[in-house]
Amino acid sequence: MKKIYDIVGRMHAEDINPNEMTFMSILNACSHGGLVEYGHICFHSMKKGYDIIPTLEHYTCLVDLVGRAGLVDKALVAIEAMPFIPNIVLWQIVLGVCQTFGLKEYGGEAFLHAMQLSKHETGAYVCFSNIYEHENIQDLG
């Protein structure tokens, strides 16, 4: 992931300002690379350093970033703080995180939000079911 730091550093050195898509790519790379702190720094520098207002897609990347690190509470804080109405994608990310980490309480909250948006979203049902299955398998062991 050193390459991410190098790219941003080279952009600064060549006086090239990152744009919305640059930050989407950086946040996505940070998410997949486990660079939570650097991703947060980049997210917050968008507005402060570059006058770029984060879009729903940037917030989605942020939720994915902290979610993959198991920080579901921070994902929920990000969702609550964003100036957009959360969509089904955000709640599916949270459900997926809850499924991965067996977080029943947060999973229930995310499932209710997902159902308010779309009662026909089968992925939400599958994730929620898997959260409880994960718990039952652990109880058997």
Protein backbone atom coordinates (compact mmCIF):
# COMPACT_ATOMS: atom_id res chain seq x y z
CA MET A 1 0.00 0.00 0.00
CA LYS A 2 3.06 2.18 -0.01
CA LYS A 3 2.13 3.00 -3.60
CA ILE A 4 -0.90 4.99 -2.41
CA TYR A 5 1.33 7.25 -0.35
CA ASP A 6 3.71 7.58 -3.28
CA ILE A 7 0.97 8.55 -5.73
CA VAL A 8 -0.45 11.26 -3.49
CA GLY A 9 3.06 12.51 -2.73
CA ARG A 10 3.91 12.67 -6.43
CA MET A 11 0.69 14.54 -7.16
CA HIS A 12 1.64 17.15 -4.55
CA ALA A 13 5.19 17.36 -5.89
CA GLU A 14 3.89 17.96 -9.43
CA ASP A 15 1.29 20.49 -8.23
CA ILE A 16 -1.63 18.31 -9.29
CA ASN A 17 -4.69 18.52 -7.08
CA PRO A 18 -6.69 15.35 -6.61
CA ASN A 19 -10.34 15.47 -7.69
CA GLU A 20 -13.47 13.59 -6.59
CA MET A 21 -12.51 10.45 -8.52
CA THR A 22 -8.99 10.49 -7.12
CA PHE A 23 -10.40 10.43 -3.61
CA MET A 24 -12.84 7.65 -4.53
CA SER A 25 -9.90 5.57 -5.75
CA ILE A 26 -7.79 6.36 -2.70
CA LEU A 27 -10.60 5.54 -0.27
CA ASN A 28 -11.35 2.32 -2.08
CA ALA A 29 -7.68 1.30 -2.05
CA CYS A 30 -7.42 2.16 1.64
CA SER A 31 -10.51 0.08 2.33
CA HIS A 32 -9.12 -2.99 0.58
CA GLY A 33 -5.66 -2.45 2.04
CA GLY A 34 -6.76 -1.97 5.64
CA LEU A 35 -5.41 1.58 5.82
CA VAL A 36 -8.15 2.93 8.09
CA GLU A 37 -6.23 5.86 9.56
CA TYR A 38 -4.87 7.02 6.20
CA GLY A 39 -8.33 6.65 4.65
CA HIS A 40 -9.80 8.84 7.38
CA ILE A 41 -7.11 11.45 6.83
CA CYS A 42 -7.81 11.47 3.08
CA PHE A 43 -11.58 11.66 3.60
CA HIS A 44 -11.29 14.65 5.94
CA SER A 45 -8.69 16.37 3.76
CA MET A 46 -11.12 16.45 0.83
CA LYS A 47 -13.02 19.44 2.18
CA LYS A 48 -10.31 21.01 4.33
CA GLY A 49 -7.42 20.72 1.90
CA TYR A 50 -9.09 20.65 -1.50
CA ASP A 51 -12.55 22.20 -1.10
CA ILE A 52 -14.17 18.99 -2.35
CA ILE A 53 -17.50 18.16 -0.76
CA PRO A 54 -17.79 14.41 -0.17
CA THR A 55 -20.59 12.74 -2.12
CA LEU A 56 -22.72 9.79 -1.09
CA GLU A 57 -20.21 7.59 -2.91
CA HIS A 58 -17.34 8.95 -0.80
CA TYR A 59 -19.33 8.23 2.37
CA THR A 60 -20.03 4.74 1.05
CA CYS A 61 -16.28 4.20 0.67
CA LEU A 62 -15.74 5.51 4.20
CA VAL A 63 -18.36 3.13 5.63
CA ASP A 64 -16.76 0.26 3.74
CA LEU A 65 -13.31 1.32 4.99
CA VAL A 66 -14.21 1.25 8.68
CA GLY A 67 -16.55 -1.71 8.24
CA ARG A 68 -13.85 -3.96 6.78
CA ALA A 69 -11.78 -3.16 9.86
CA GLY A 70 -14.67 -4.37 12.04
CA LEU A 71 -15.43 -0.86 13.29
CA VAL A 72 -19.17 -1.05 12.78
CA ASP A 73 -19.80 1.62 15.40
CA LYS A 74 -17.70 4.07 13.36
CA ALA A 75 -19.57 3.03 10.22
CA LEU A 76 -22.86 3.92 11.91
CA VAL A 77 -21.45 7.26 13.10
CA ALA A 78 -20.39 8.04 9.51
CA ILE A 79 -23.86 7.15 8.23
CA GLU A 80 -25.53 9.35 10.84
CA ALA A 81 -23.16 12.27 10.14
CA MET A 82 -23.52 12.33 6.38
CA PRO A 83 -25.78 14.94 4.80
CA PHE A 84 -27.55 12.30 2.68
CA ILE A 85 -30.32 9.83 3.27
CA PRO A 86 -28.65 6.43 3.63
CA ASN A 87 -29.37 4.06 0.77
CA ILE A 88 -29.68 0.29 0.67
CA VAL A 89 -26.02 -0.09 -0.34
CA LEU A 90 -24.83 1.45 2.93
CA TRP A 91 -27.04 -0.82 5.00
CA GLN A 92 -25.94 -3.85 2.99
CA ILE A 93 -22.32 -2.96 3.76
CA VAL A 94 -23.13 -2.78 7.47
CA LEU A 95 -25.04 -6.07 7.28
CA GLY A 96 -22.09 -7.71 5.55
CA VAL A 97 -19.74 -6.48 8.26
CA CYS A 98 -22.09 -7.74 10.95
CA GLN A 99 -22.24 -11.11 9.20
CA THR A 100 -18.44 -11.31 8.98
CA PHE A 101 -17.90 -10.39 12.62
CA GLY A 102 -21.07 -11.97 14.08
CA LEU A 103 -22.45 -8.68 15.37
CA LYS A 104 -26.10 -9.51 16.07
CA GLU A 105 -27.14 -6.23 17.72
CA TYR A 106 -25.78 -3.98 14.98
CA GLY A 107 -27.01 -6.43 12.36
CA GLY A 108 -30.56 -6.10 13.66
CA GLU A 109 -30.37 -2.32 13.42
CA ALA A 110 -28.96 -2.44 9.89
CA PHE A 111 -31.59 -4.99 8.83
CA LEU A 112 -34.43 -2.76 10.06
CA HIS A 113 -33.03 0.19 8.12
CA ALA A 114 -32.62 -1.93 5.00
CA MET A 115 -36.21 -3.18 5.29
CA GLN A 116 -37.50 0.40 5.54
CA LEU A 117 -35.86 1.07 2.19
CA SER A 118 -36.75 -2.16 0.41
CA LYS A 119 -38.65 -5.14 1.76
CA HIS A 120 -37.75 -7.07 -1.39
CA GLU A 121 -33.97 -6.87 -0.96
CA THR A 122 -33.11 -10.56 -0.61
CA GLY A 123 -29.46 -9.87 0.21
CA ALA A 124 -30.50 -8.22 3.46
CA TYR A 125 -32.49 -11.29 4.49
CA VAL A 126 -29.61 -13.60 3.67
CA CYS A 127 -27.08 -11.53 5.65
CA PHE A 128 -29.39 -11.22 8.63
CA SER A 129 -30.08 -14.95 8.59
CA ASN A 130 -26.35 -15.68 8.39
CA ILE A 131 -25.68 -13.43 11.40
CA TYR A 132 -27.97 -15.58 13.54
CA GLU A 133 -26.66 -18.81 12.00
CA HIS A 134 -23.12 -17.72 12.89
CA GLU A 135 -24.22 -17.24 16.51
CA ASN A 136 -25.96 -20.63 16.67
CA ILE A 137 -22.91 -22.44 15.25
CA GLN A 138 -20.71 -20.83 17.92
CA ASP A 139 -23.17 -21.94 20.64
CA LEU A 140 -22.85 -25.57 19.44
CA GLY A 141 -19.04 -25.53 19.75
